[in-house]
Protein backbone atom coordinates (compact mmCIF):
# COMPACT_ATOMS: atom_id res chain seq x y z
CA UNK A 1 6.44 5.62 41.09
CA UNK A 2 4.43 2.90 42.96
CA UNK A 3 1.84 1.55 41.85
CA UNK A 4 -0.44 2.47 44.68
CA UNK A 5 -0.48 6.07 43.62
CA UNK A 6 -1.73 5.97 39.68
CA UNK A 7 -4.39 3.73 41.45
CA UNK A 8 -5.84 7.24 43.39
CA UNK A 9 -7.83 7.62 40.68
CA UNK A 10 -9.68 5.38 41.76
CA UNK A 11 -10.95 7.68 43.70
CA UNK A 12 -12.64 10.04 41.54
CA UNK A 13 -15.63 7.77 40.86
CA UNK A 14 -18.45 10.22 40.76
CA UNK A 15 -20.07 11.01 36.76
CA UNK A 16 -22.33 14.28 36.56
CA UNK A 17 -25.88 13.75 36.77
CA UNK A 18 -25.76 14.60 32.62
CA UNK A 19 -24.05 13.96 29.83
CA UNK A 20 -20.51 16.60 30.00
CA UNK A 21 -22.57 18.26 27.53
CA UNK A 22 -25.48 19.30 29.30
CA UNK A 23 -24.30 20.22 32.17
CA UNK A 24 -23.86 24.35 32.53
CA UNK A 25 -20.94 25.69 31.90
CA UNK A 26 -20.23 26.28 34.89
CA UNK A 27 -20.61 23.89 37.04
CA UNK A 28 -18.25 22.02 33.67
CA UNK A 29 -15.90 25.56 35.36
CA UNK A 30 -16.48 24.79 38.70
CA UNK A 31 -14.76 20.98 38.20
CA UNK A 32 -12.19 22.28 36.05
CA UNK A 33 -10.98 24.51 38.44
CA UNK A 34 -10.17 22.18 41.30
CA UNK A 35 -9.12 19.63 38.41
CA UNK A 36 -6.61 22.30 36.83
CA UNK A 37 -5.85 22.83 40.65
CA UNK A 38 -5.11 19.47 41.74
CA UNK A 39 -2.83 19.32 38.18
CA UNK A 40 -0.79 22.16 39.36
CA UNK A 41 -0.35 22.00 43.04
CA UNK A 42 1.22 17.95 42.54
CA UNK A 43 3.95 19.84 39.35
CA UNK A 44 4.72 22.01 42.29
CA UNK A 45 5.60 19.86 44.90
CA UNK A 46 7.31 16.57 42.25
CA UNK A 47 9.81 20.21 42.15
CA UNK A 48 12.66 19.88 45.69
CA UNK A 49 11.50 23.30 47.29
CA UNK A 50 8.47 23.00 49.65
CA UNK A 51 7.85 25.63 51.23
CA UNK A 52 4.63 26.36 51.65
CA UNK A 53 5.43 30.29 50.62
CA UNK A 54 7.22 29.56 47.86
CA UNK A 55 4.19 26.25 46.58
CA UNK A 56 1.74 28.79 46.94
CA UNK A 57 3.29 31.06 44.37
CA UNK A 58 4.75 29.17 41.90
CA UNK A 59 1.16 27.40 42.12
CA UNK A 60 -0.42 30.42 41.29
CA UNK A 61 1.56 31.51 38.43
CA UNK A 62 -0.32 29.22 36.24
CA UNK A 63 -3.79 28.82 37.89
CA UNK A 64 -4.76 33.26 38.57
CA UNK A 65 -7.28 34.72 36.07
CA UNK A 66 -4.70 36.58 34.73
CA UNK A 67 -2.72 33.32 33.70
CA UNK A 68 -4.79 31.62 32.71
CA UNK A 69 -6.59 34.02 30.17
CA UNK A 70 -3.56 34.16 28.87
CA UNK A 71 -3.25 30.58 28.63
CA UNK A 72 -6.39 30.18 26.73
CA UNK A 73 -4.52 32.35 24.17
CA UNK A 74 -2.00 30.08 23.54
CA UNK A 75 -4.21 27.01 22.98
CA UNK A 76 -6.85 27.92 21.25
CA UNK A 77 -5.25 27.14 17.67
CA UNK A 78 -4.58 24.26 18.57
CA UNK A 79 -8.08 23.34 20.52
CA UNK A 80 -11.08 21.40 17.90
CA UNK A 81 -14.22 22.55 17.06
CA UNK A 82 -15.80 21.02 19.98
CA UNK A 83 -13.47 22.22 22.73
CA UNK A 84 -13.73 26.47 21.22
CA UNK A 85 -17.71 25.48 21.30
CA UNK A 86 -17.34 24.12 24.67
CA UNK A 87 -14.47 27.71 25.15
CA UNK A 88 -16.98 29.48 24.08
CA UNK A 89 -20.16 28.42 26.14
CA UNK A 90 -17.91 28.98 28.95
CA UNK A 91 -16.63 32.18 28.30
CA UNK A 92 -20.38 33.48 27.47
CA UNK A 93 -21.35 32.33 30.50
CA UNK A 94 -22.75 34.82 33.64
CA UNK A 95 -21.41 33.59 36.72
CA UNK A 96 -22.92 37.04 39.19
CA UNK A 97 -19.80 37.26 40.47
CA UNK A 98 -16.66 38.81 40.23
CA UNK A 99 -12.81 38.28 39.91
CA UNK A 100 -11.36 39.77 42.68
CA UNK A 101 -7.61 40.49 40.92
CA UNK A 102 -8.45 40.61 37.36
CA UNK A 103 -9.63 42.34 34.50
CA UNK A 104 -13.94 41.04 33.19
CA UNK A 105 -12.45 40.34 30.01
CA UNK A 106 -9.25 37.96 31.96
CA UNK A 107 -12.50 36.54 34.12
CA UNK A 108 -14.16 35.16 31.75
CA UNK A 109 -11.94 33.59 29.45
CA UNK A 110 -10.44 31.95 33.09
CA UNK A 111 -13.49 30.74 34.07
CA UNK A 112 -13.60 29.48 29.62
CA UNK A 113 -10.09 27.56 30.06
CA UNK A 114 -12.13 25.56 33.22
CA UNK A 115 -14.67 24.81 31.66
CA UNK A 116 -12.42 23.33 29.28
CA UNK A 117 -11.32 21.30 31.90
CA UNK A 118 -14.25 19.97 33.41
CA UNK A 119 -15.72 19.10 30.03
CA UNK A 120 -12.13 16.80 28.80
CA UNK A 121 -12.33 15.36 32.53
CA UNK A 122 -16.08 14.41 32.15
CA UNK A 123 -15.83 13.51 29.47
CA UNK A 124 -13.24 11.16 29.84
CA UNK A 125 -11.07 12.59 27.71
CA UNK A 126 -7.53 12.07 29.61
CA UNK A 127 -5.90 11.88 27.05
CA UNK A 128 -6.05 14.65 25.00
CA UNK A 129 -6.66 17.00 28.62
CA UNK A 130 -2.88 15.30 29.96
CA UNK A 131 -2.05 17.15 26.47
CA UNK A 132 -3.74 20.54 27.16
CA UNK A 133 -2.91 20.05 31.26
CA UNK A 134 1.08 19.72 30.22
CA UNK A 135 1.26 22.34 27.60
CA UNK A 136 0.66 24.84 30.49
CA UNK A 137 3.02 23.87 32.23
CA UNK A 138 5.20 23.93 29.51
CA UNK A 139 3.52 27.52 28.70
CA UNK A 140 4.98 29.09 31.98
CA UNK A 141 2.01 31.07 31.54
CA UNK A 142 2.98 33.88 34.50
CA UNK A 143 6.05 35.62 31.91
């Protein structure tokens, strides 16, 4: 991998206006959704099949509410107390929107997972974030 590719992290230089602990869990889920989506897209593009339909299907198997809900269930025993607290905040947040293709509980757990990802991202716990993201790929929640 070229060094310039790794320097791309310098593109993301806008910190949140508040400490991650003080951000609304839905704000954390908003950025967490984007971080997770980019990570998964990079993963599927790293494979050999670059047909757009294949890329979309492959990534949906990871980023759907159902997949994220299953993944969170598998992750729970591995989370710290602080991370579990963040998951609970995300799960209990009132979003005002409804799931398109998921049950309400799956949607809430998906939001909780995204909240955790956003929290770790804004907290700059990148090593821990990578552990969780790599677990998501290894777990293959789309089974």
